């Protein structure tokens, strides 16, 4: 609670920034497969959106409905990603920062300030503020978390169509018991992250990737 109060106080103290403020968040750091996504959103104060919150606290249908509303009513928004191959090349933290940089760069309106969820932020051509639990405190970050989550889920459904035997439509690549069992049975597919423990262990044991 004290941490949330400190974060809220920091947010209140920065509300005077002159120029557009973008909220930035990611989705998909923990899964064993697929890209990591990031979104950047500049909300319109004249068109508030009710119900914005951390995407993980929303039911899928509500999250998808809010994503449509955000895209229709925000001043600007952009979604970007870093691939599984880039995650393996750079590591998950640097790949996440890369996805965030791409999302901010893709905004049709340049922000004066980017508020980034968490305590790590990418280098950006604007002022940057990190905000722990920002997806629960700042509406623009909440909006970014919703767009990033919906975009990643949509991509995982497309991945399920290519590789239906992994159940990506259900667990979205996260290391659930089901996913781990199917991964052990079939071996990794091209979209599995080779540097993540369970996948790396299978490859180290000589399990050939699925094509």
Protein backbone atom coordinates (compact mmCIF):
# COMPACT_ATOMS: atom_id res chain seq x y z
CA UNK A 1 0.00 0.00 0.00
CA UNK A 2 2.81 2.41 0.88
CA UNK A 3 4.47 1.66 -2.47
CA UNK A 4 1.25 2.46 -4.30
CA UNK A 5 0.87 5.71 -2.37
CA UNK A 6 4.43 6.76 -3.24
CA UNK A 7 3.84 5.95 -6.89
CA UNK A 8 0.56 7.88 -6.91
CA UNK A 9 2.30 10.88 -5.32
CA UNK A 10 5.02 10.77 -7.97
CA UNK A 11 2.38 10.61 -10.68
CA UNK A 12 0.50 13.58 -9.23
CA UNK A 13 3.71 15.55 -9.07
CA UNK A 14 4.40 15.06 -12.76
CA UNK A 15 0.98 16.02 -14.11
CA UNK A 16 2.23 19.49 -15.10
CA UNK A 17 4.29 18.23 -18.07
CA UNK A 18 3.77 20.49 -21.09
CA UNK A 19 2.94 18.50 -24.20
CA UNK A 20 1.50 15.08 -24.97
CA UNK A 21 2.07 12.31 -22.42
CA UNK A 22 2.26 8.70 -23.60
CA UNK A 23 1.67 5.66 -21.46
CA UNK A 24 3.88 2.70 -22.36
CA UNK A 25 3.56 -0.93 -21.30
CA UNK A 26 4.42 -4.43 -22.48
CA UNK A 27 2.87 -7.88 -22.66
CA UNK A 28 4.53 -11.24 -22.96
CA UNK A 29 7.79 -11.19 -21.04
CA UNK A 30 7.10 -14.47 -19.23
CA UNK A 31 5.91 -16.87 -21.96
CA UNK A 32 8.07 -19.54 -23.53
CA UNK A 33 6.92 -18.74 -27.06
CA UNK A 34 6.04 -15.84 -29.29
CA UNK A 35 7.04 -12.21 -29.47
CA UNK A 36 7.00 -9.67 -26.67
CA UNK A 37 4.64 -6.77 -27.43
CA UNK A 38 4.58 -3.14 -26.34
CA UNK A 39 2.10 -0.35 -26.86
CA UNK A 40 2.18 3.41 -26.45
CA UNK A 41 -0.98 5.46 -25.98
CA UNK A 42 -1.67 9.19 -25.75
CA UNK A 43 -5.15 9.62 -24.35
CA UNK A 44 -7.50 12.51 -25.13
CA UNK A 45 -8.57 14.36 -21.98
CA UNK A 46 -11.70 15.46 -23.82
CA UNK A 47 -12.73 11.85 -24.47
CA UNK A 48 -12.17 9.90 -21.24
CA UNK A 49 -12.51 6.12 -21.35
CA UNK A 50 -14.21 4.48 -18.38
CA UNK A 51 -12.90 1.25 -16.92
CA UNK A 52 -9.22 1.48 -17.83
CA UNK A 53 -7.08 -0.70 -15.60
CA UNK A 54 -4.30 -3.27 -15.71
CA UNK A 55 -5.12 -5.61 -18.60
CA UNK A 56 -4.55 -8.65 -16.37
CA UNK A 57 -7.45 -7.53 -14.16
CA UNK A 58 -9.90 -7.53 -17.07
CA UNK A 59 -11.91 -10.38 -18.56
CA UNK A 60 -10.95 -11.06 -22.20
CA UNK A 61 -14.18 -9.69 -23.70
CA UNK A 62 -13.98 -6.51 -21.63
CA UNK A 63 -10.32 -6.09 -22.55
CA UNK A 64 -11.10 -6.47 -26.25
CA UNK A 65 -13.98 -3.99 -26.04
CA UNK A 66 -11.73 -1.45 -24.31
CA UNK A 67 -9.03 -1.97 -26.94
CA UNK A 68 -11.48 -0.95 -29.64
CA UNK A 69 -12.53 2.09 -27.61
CA UNK A 70 -8.91 3.11 -27.02
CA UNK A 71 -8.13 2.91 -30.73
CA UNK A 72 -11.21 5.00 -31.54
CA UNK A 73 -10.84 7.68 -28.87
CA UNK A 74 -7.14 8.09 -28.04
CA UNK A 75 -5.22 10.99 -29.56
CA UNK A 76 -2.57 8.52 -30.71
CA UNK A 77 -1.64 4.89 -30.24
CA UNK A 78 0.86 2.40 -31.60
CA UNK A 79 1.71 -1.26 -31.06
CA UNK A 80 5.05 -2.93 -31.75
CA UNK A 81 6.86 -6.14 -30.93
CA UNK A 82 10.21 -7.88 -30.71
CA UNK A 83 10.29 -11.40 -32.10
CA UNK A 84 11.20 -14.64 -30.38
CA UNK A 85 14.45 -14.61 -32.38
CA UNK A 86 15.24 -11.11 -31.12
CA UNK A 87 14.47 -12.20 -27.56
CA UNK A 88 16.99 -15.01 -27.95
CA UNK A 89 19.53 -12.65 -29.52
CA UNK A 90 19.29 -9.75 -27.07
CA UNK A 91 17.63 -11.29 -23.93
CA UNK A 92 14.08 -10.60 -22.81
CA UNK A 93 14.76 -7.29 -21.07
CA UNK A 94 16.53 -5.69 -24.02
CA UNK A 95 13.95 -7.10 -26.44
CA UNK A 96 11.19 -5.56 -24.31
CA UNK A 97 12.97 -2.20 -24.38
CA UNK A 98 13.28 -2.54 -28.16
CA UNK A 99 9.55 -3.21 -28.52
CA UNK A 100 8.81 -0.13 -26.40
CA UNK A 101 11.14 2.02 -28.49
CA UNK A 102 9.40 0.81 -31.64
CA UNK A 103 5.96 1.55 -30.21
CA UNK A 104 6.86 5.11 -29.18
CA UNK A 105 8.60 5.74 -32.52
CA UNK A 106 5.45 4.60 -34.35
CA UNK A 107 3.19 7.11 -32.58
CA UNK A 108 1.78 9.61 -35.09
CA UNK A 109 2.07 12.29 -32.39
CA UNK A 110 5.43 12.77 -30.67
CA UNK A 111 5.11 12.72 -26.85
CA UNK A 112 6.84 15.20 -24.57
CA UNK A 113 6.88 12.57 -21.82
CA UNK A 114 6.61 8.79 -21.82
CA UNK A 115 5.44 7.11 -18.63
CA UNK A 116 6.62 3.51 -18.58
CA UNK A 117 5.23 0.80 -16.35
CA UNK A 118 7.76 -0.71 -13.96
CA UNK A 119 11.21 0.45 -12.91
CA UNK A 120 13.11 0.04 -16.18
CA UNK A 121 12.68 2.14 -19.28
CA UNK A 122 14.14 2.32 -22.77
CA UNK A 123 16.10 5.24 -24.16
CA UNK A 124 13.59 7.49 -25.88
CA UNK A 125 13.78 10.87 -27.66
CA UNK A 126 11.59 12.43 -24.97
CA UNK A 127 11.46 12.71 -21.22
CA UNK A 128 10.88 9.33 -19.56
CA UNK A 129 9.31 8.49 -16.21
CA UNK A 130 9.04 5.00 -14.77
CA UNK A 131 6.07 4.16 -12.59
CA UNK A 132 5.91 0.94 -10.58
CA UNK A 133 2.42 -0.54 -10.92
CA UNK A 134 1.68 2.18 -13.41
CA UNK A 135 -0.83 -0.02 -15.19
CA UNK A 136 -3.01 0.29 -12.06
CA UNK A 137 -2.36 4.00 -11.52
CA UNK A 138 -2.08 5.79 -14.83
CA UNK A 139 -4.91 5.52 -17.39
CA UNK A 140 -2.56 5.89 -20.37
CA UNK A 141 -0.36 3.06 -19.12
CA UNK A 142 -3.47 0.98 -18.47
CA UNK A 143 -4.56 1.64 -22.05
CA UNK A 144 -1.14 0.61 -23.33
CA UNK A 145 -1.25 -2.60 -21.31
CA UNK A 146 -4.64 -3.43 -22.83
CA UNK A 147 -3.50 -2.84 -26.41
CA UNK A 148 -0.29 -4.81 -25.93
CA UNK A 149 -2.09 -7.73 -24.32
CA UNK A 150 -4.82 -7.89 -26.98
CA UNK A 151 -2.28 -7.69 -29.80
CA UNK A 152 -0.19 -10.46 -28.32
CA UNK A 153 -3.20 -12.70 -27.68
CA UNK A 154 -4.30 -12.23 -31.29
CA UNK A 155 -0.85 -13.22 -32.50
CA UNK A 156 -0.87 -16.32 -30.31
CA UNK A 157 -4.21 -17.37 -31.81
CA UNK A 158 -2.61 -17.08 -35.25
CA UNK A 159 0.32 -19.12 -33.97
CA UNK A 160 -2.14 -21.74 -32.73
CA UNK A 161 -3.47 -22.07 -36.27
CA UNK A 162 0.05 -22.92 -37.44
CA UNK A 163 0.95 -25.19 -34.52
CA UNK A 164 -2.34 -26.44 -32.99
CA UNK A 165 -0.71 -29.24 -30.99
CA UNK A 166 0.78 -26.79 -28.44
CA UNK A 167 -2.51 -25.27 -27.23
CA UNK A 168 -1.38 -21.67 -27.75
CA UNK A 169 -5.04 -20.60 -27.91
CA UNK A 170 -5.44 -21.57 -24.26
CA UNK A 171 -2.21 -20.70 -22.44
CA UNK A 172 -0.87 -18.07 -24.89
CA UNK A 173 2.64 -19.46 -24.54
CA UNK A 174 2.93 -19.17 -20.76
CA UNK A 175 4.64 -22.07 -18.96
CA UNK A 176 1.49 -23.79 -17.72
CA UNK A 177 1.51 -27.48 -16.87
CA UNK A 178 -0.33 -28.17 -20.13
CA UNK A 179 2.17 -26.20 -22.20
CA UNK A 180 5.16 -27.87 -20.55
CA UNK A 181 3.67 -31.32 -21.16
CA UNK A 182 2.96 -30.57 -24.83
CA UNK A 183 6.39 -29.01 -25.26
CA UNK A 184 8.01 -32.17 -23.86
CA UNK A 185 5.87 -34.33 -26.16
CA UNK A 186 6.39 -32.41 -29.41
CA UNK A 187 9.62 -30.51 -28.87
CA UNK A 188 9.89 -26.76 -29.50
CA UNK A 189 8.45 -25.05 -32.58
CA UNK A 190 10.22 -22.18 -34.41
CA UNK A 191 8.41 -19.62 -32.24
CA UNK A 192 9.62 -21.06 -28.93
CA UNK A 193 12.24 -18.95 -27.17
CA UNK A 194 15.43 -21.00 -27.30
CA UNK A 195 17.10 -19.23 -24.37
CA UNK A 196 14.24 -19.86 -21.92
CA UNK A 197 14.90 -22.67 -19.45
CA UNK A 198 12.38 -25.40 -20.41
CA UNK A 199 13.03 -24.90 -24.13
CA UNK A 200 16.79 -24.72 -23.68
CA UNK A 201 16.71 -27.90 -21.60
CA UNK A 202 14.93 -29.82 -24.35
CA UNK A 203 17.32 -28.60 -27.02
CA UNK A 204 20.26 -29.40 -24.76
CA UNK A 205 18.94 -32.93 -24.41
CA UNK A 206 19.04 -33.28 -28.18
CA UNK A 207 15.34 -32.74 -28.88
CA UNK A 208 15.05 -31.46 -32.45
CA UNK A 209 12.82 -28.43 -33.05
CA UNK A 210 9.47 -28.92 -34.77
CA UNK A 211 9.34 -27.35 -38.24
